Amino acid sequence: MNKTYGVTRKDFNKGKSIKLYAEELGGADFISLNYYLTTKSHSLKPCEMPEQKVIHFLMNYKSRNNQETNDRIANG
């Protein structure tokens, strides 16, 4: 991934609900999603974009700050 993004992640319900928004710095691209984790399943809900675009971003995003954050975003 050659683009640079500003990423905001907000956790709710003790980490069982996640809202993520990433905006390309200096560009027009963005990623927006909600992720829900229950005792029986999990659910990825992209916001007005194809699920594959969101998955591609999550699998390829590299934070400048720390790898643990990347793993939490990608693996829930």
N, C-alpha and C. Protein backbone atom coordinates (compact mmCIF):
# COMPACT_ATOMS: atom_id res chain seq x y z
N MET A 1 0.85 -1.16 0.00
CA MET A 1 0.00 0.00 0.00
C MET A 1 0.91 1.23 0.00
N ASN A 2 0.84 2.03 -1.04
CA ASN A 2 1.71 3.19 -1.17
C ASN A 2 1.08 4.48 -0.67
N LYS A 3 -0.15 4.46 -0.27
CA LYS A 3 -0.83 5.65 0.22
C LYS A 3 -0.63 5.78 1.73
N THR A 4 -0.70 7.02 2.20
CA THR A 4 -0.60 7.28 3.63
C THR A 4 -1.97 7.70 4.14
N TYR A 5 -2.38 7.10 5.26
CA TYR A 5 -3.71 7.35 5.81
C TYR A 5 -3.63 7.86 7.24
N GLY A 6 -4.55 8.72 7.58
CA GLY A 6 -4.80 9.07 8.97
C GLY A 6 -5.93 8.16 9.44
N VAL A 7 -5.71 7.44 10.53
CA VAL A 7 -6.67 6.43 10.97
C VAL A 7 -7.21 6.77 12.36
N THR A 8 -8.52 6.69 12.49
CA THR A 8 -9.18 6.85 13.78
C THR A 8 -9.93 5.58 14.10
N ARG A 9 -9.66 5.04 15.27
CA ARG A 9 -10.35 3.83 15.73
C ARG A 9 -10.99 4.15 17.08
N LYS A 10 -12.28 3.83 17.19
CA LYS A 10 -12.99 4.01 18.45
C LYS A 10 -13.57 2.66 18.87
N ASP A 11 -13.29 2.26 20.09
CA ASP A 11 -13.82 1.01 20.63
C ASP A 11 -15.00 1.32 21.55
N PHE A 12 -16.02 0.47 21.46
CA PHE A 12 -17.21 0.59 22.29
C PHE A 12 -17.49 -0.76 22.93
N ASN A 13 -18.30 -0.76 23.96
CA ASN A 13 -18.74 -2.01 24.61
C ASN A 13 -17.56 -2.91 24.98
N LYS A 14 -16.56 -2.31 25.61
CA LYS A 14 -15.37 -3.05 26.05
C LYS A 14 -14.66 -3.76 24.89
N GLY A 15 -14.60 -3.09 23.74
CA GLY A 15 -13.90 -3.63 22.58
C GLY A 15 -14.72 -4.56 21.71
N LYS A 16 -15.98 -4.74 22.03
CA LYS A 16 -16.82 -5.66 21.25
C LYS A 16 -17.44 -4.98 20.03
N SER A 17 -17.35 -3.66 19.97
CA SER A 17 -17.78 -2.89 18.80
C SER A 17 -16.65 -1.93 18.45
N ILE A 18 -16.28 -1.89 17.19
CA ILE A 18 -15.19 -1.03 16.74
C ILE A 18 -15.66 -0.21 15.55
N LYS A 19 -15.35 1.06 15.59
CA LYS A 19 -15.61 1.95 14.46
C LYS A 19 -14.25 2.43 13.97
N LEU A 20 -13.98 2.26 12.69
CA LEU A 20 -12.70 2.67 12.12
C LEU A 20 -12.94 3.55 10.91
N TYR A 21 -12.21 4.66 10.86
CA TYR A 21 -12.26 5.55 9.71
C TYR A 21 -10.83 5.91 9.34
N ALA A 22 -10.49 5.71 8.08
CA ALA A 22 -9.16 6.04 7.58
C ALA A 22 -9.32 6.94 6.36
N GLU A 23 -8.56 8.04 6.37
CA GLU A 23 -8.63 9.00 5.28
C GLU A 23 -7.24 9.16 4.67
N GLU A 24 -7.17 9.03 3.36
CA GLU A 24 -5.89 9.20 2.67
C GLU A 24 -5.40 10.64 2.86
N LEU A 25 -4.16 10.76 3.32
CA LEU A 25 -3.58 12.09 3.51
C LEU A 25 -3.13 12.62 2.15
N GLY A 26 -3.65 13.76 1.77
CA GLY A 26 -3.29 14.35 0.49
C GLY A 26 -4.04 13.74 -0.68
N GLY A 27 -5.09 12.98 -0.42
CA GLY A 27 -5.85 12.33 -1.48
C GLY A 27 -7.32 12.26 -1.12
N ALA A 28 -8.06 11.54 -1.94
CA ALA A 28 -9.51 11.47 -1.77
C ALA A 28 -10.02 10.13 -1.25
N ASP A 29 -9.14 9.14 -1.10
CA ASP A 29 -9.57 7.81 -0.70
C ASP A 29 -9.89 7.77 0.80
N PHE A 30 -10.82 6.90 1.17
CA PHE A 30 -11.12 6.70 2.58
C PHE A 30 -11.65 5.29 2.79
N ILE A 31 -11.58 4.84 4.03
CA ILE A 31 -12.10 3.54 4.46
C ILE A 31 -12.95 3.80 5.69
N SER A 32 -14.13 3.19 5.73
CA SER A 32 -15.00 3.36 6.89
C SER A 32 -15.68 2.03 7.18
N LEU A 33 -15.64 1.63 8.44
CA LEU A 33 -16.24 0.34 8.79
C LEU A 33 -16.65 0.30 10.25
N ASN A 34 -17.54 -0.63 10.52
CA ASN A 34 -17.91 -1.02 11.88
C ASN A 34 -17.66 -2.52 11.99
N TYR A 35 -17.21 -2.95 13.16
CA TYR A 35 -16.94 -4.36 13.41
C TYR A 35 -17.59 -4.73 14.73
N TYR A 36 -18.34 -5.82 14.73
CA TYR A 36 -19.05 -6.26 15.93
C TYR A 36 -18.62 -7.67 16.29
N LEU A 37 -18.34 -7.88 17.56
CA LEU A 37 -17.93 -9.19 18.06
C LEU A 37 -18.91 -9.62 19.14
N THR A 38 -19.54 -10.79 18.94
CA THR A 38 -20.44 -11.33 19.94
C THR A 38 -19.90 -12.67 20.40
N THR A 39 -20.55 -13.27 21.36
CA THR A 39 -20.09 -14.57 21.85
C THR A 39 -20.26 -15.66 20.81
N LYS A 40 -21.15 -15.43 19.83
CA LYS A 40 -21.41 -16.45 18.82
C LYS A 40 -20.80 -16.16 17.46
N SER A 41 -20.49 -14.90 17.16
CA SER A 41 -19.97 -14.59 15.83
C SER A 41 -19.32 -13.21 15.82
N HIS A 42 -18.87 -12.83 14.64
CA HIS A 42 -18.34 -11.49 14.42
C HIS A 42 -18.91 -11.00 13.10
N SER A 43 -18.94 -9.68 12.95
CA SER A 43 -19.55 -9.11 11.76
C SER A 43 -18.80 -7.85 11.33
N LEU A 44 -18.35 -7.83 10.10
CA LEU A 44 -17.70 -6.67 9.50
C LEU A 44 -18.74 -5.94 8.67
N LYS A 45 -18.94 -4.67 8.94
CA LYS A 45 -19.93 -3.86 8.23
C LYS A 45 -19.25 -2.66 7.58
N PRO A 46 -18.83 -2.77 6.32
CA PRO A 46 -18.27 -1.61 5.63
C PRO A 46 -19.34 -0.53 5.47
N CYS A 47 -18.92 0.71 5.49
CA CYS A 47 -19.85 1.83 5.34
C CYS A 47 -19.80 2.35 3.90
N GLU A 48 -20.79 1.98 3.13
CA GLU A 48 -20.97 2.45 1.76
C GLU A 48 -19.77 2.21 0.85
N MET A 49 -19.18 1.02 0.97
CA MET A 49 -18.09 0.62 0.09
C MET A 49 -18.02 -0.91 0.07
N PRO A 50 -17.39 -1.48 -0.94
CA PRO A 50 -17.30 -2.94 -1.02
C PRO A 50 -16.51 -3.53 0.16
N GLU A 51 -16.98 -4.65 0.65
CA GLU A 51 -16.30 -5.34 1.75
C GLU A 51 -14.85 -5.67 1.37
N GLN A 52 -14.61 -6.05 0.12
CA GLN A 52 -13.27 -6.41 -0.31
C GLN A 52 -12.29 -5.24 -0.18
N LYS A 53 -12.75 -4.01 -0.42
CA LYS A 53 -11.89 -2.84 -0.26
C LYS A 53 -11.46 -2.69 1.20
N VAL A 54 -12.40 -2.89 2.11
CA VAL A 54 -12.11 -2.79 3.55
C VAL A 54 -11.14 -3.89 3.97
N ILE A 55 -11.38 -5.11 3.54
CA ILE A 55 -10.50 -6.23 3.89
C ILE A 55 -9.10 -6.00 3.36
N HIS A 56 -8.99 -5.53 2.12
CA HIS A 56 -7.68 -5.25 1.53
C HIS A 56 -6.94 -4.21 2.37
N PHE A 57 -7.63 -3.16 2.77
CA PHE A 57 -7.00 -2.14 3.61
C PHE A 57 -6.52 -2.75 4.93
N LEU A 58 -7.38 -3.49 5.61
CA LEU A 58 -7.01 -4.07 6.90
C LEU A 58 -5.83 -5.03 6.80
N MET A 59 -5.77 -5.78 5.73
CA MET A 59 -4.69 -6.75 5.56
C MET A 59 -3.36 -6.08 5.18
N ASN A 60 -3.42 -4.89 4.62
CA ASN A 60 -2.21 -4.24 4.12
C ASN A 60 -1.79 -2.98 4.86
N TYR A 61 -2.60 -2.52 5.80
CA TYR A 61 -2.28 -1.30 6.52
C TYR A 61 -1.07 -1.49 7.42
N LYS A 62 -0.15 -0.55 7.36
CA LYS A 62 1.03 -0.57 8.22
C LYS A 62 1.11 0.76 8.96
N SER A 63 0.99 0.69 10.25
CA SER A 63 1.08 1.88 11.09
C SER A 63 2.53 2.30 11.25
N ARG A 64 2.75 3.58 11.31
CA ARG A 64 4.10 4.08 11.61
C ARG A 64 4.40 3.94 13.09
N ASN A 65 3.36 3.78 13.92
CA ASN A 65 3.55 3.81 15.36
C ASN A 65 3.90 2.46 15.97
N ASN A 66 3.10 1.42 15.65
CA ASN A 66 3.44 0.13 16.24
C ASN A 66 2.69 -1.03 15.61
N GLN A 67 3.36 -2.17 15.53
CA GLN A 67 2.81 -3.34 14.86
C GLN A 67 1.65 -3.94 15.65
N GLU A 68 1.67 -3.84 16.98
CA GLU A 68 0.58 -4.40 17.79
C GLU A 68 -0.76 -3.77 17.41
N THR A 69 -0.76 -2.47 17.14
CA THR A 69 -1.98 -1.79 16.71
C THR A 69 -2.47 -2.38 15.40
N ASN A 70 -1.56 -2.60 14.45
CA ASN A 70 -1.93 -3.21 13.17
C ASN A 70 -2.59 -4.55 13.38
N ASP A 71 -2.01 -5.37 14.24
CA ASP A 71 -2.55 -6.71 14.48
C ASP A 71 -3.94 -6.63 15.08
N ARG A 72 -4.17 -5.70 16.01
CA ARG A 72 -5.50 -5.56 16.63
C ARG A 72 -6.52 -5.11 15.62
N ILE A 73 -6.15 -4.19 14.72
CA ILE A 73 -7.08 -3.71 13.72
C ILE A 73 -7.43 -4.85 12.77
N ALA A 74 -6.44 -5.57 12.29
CA ALA A 74 -6.66 -6.63 11.31
C ALA A 74 -7.33 -7.85 11.89
N ASN A 75 -7.04 -8.19 13.13
CA ASN A 75 -7.54 -9.44 13.71
C ASN A 75 -8.70 -9.27 14.67
N GLY A 76 -9.06 -8.05 14.96
CA GLY A 76 -10.21 -7.79 15.84
C GLY A 76 -9.94 -8.04 17.23
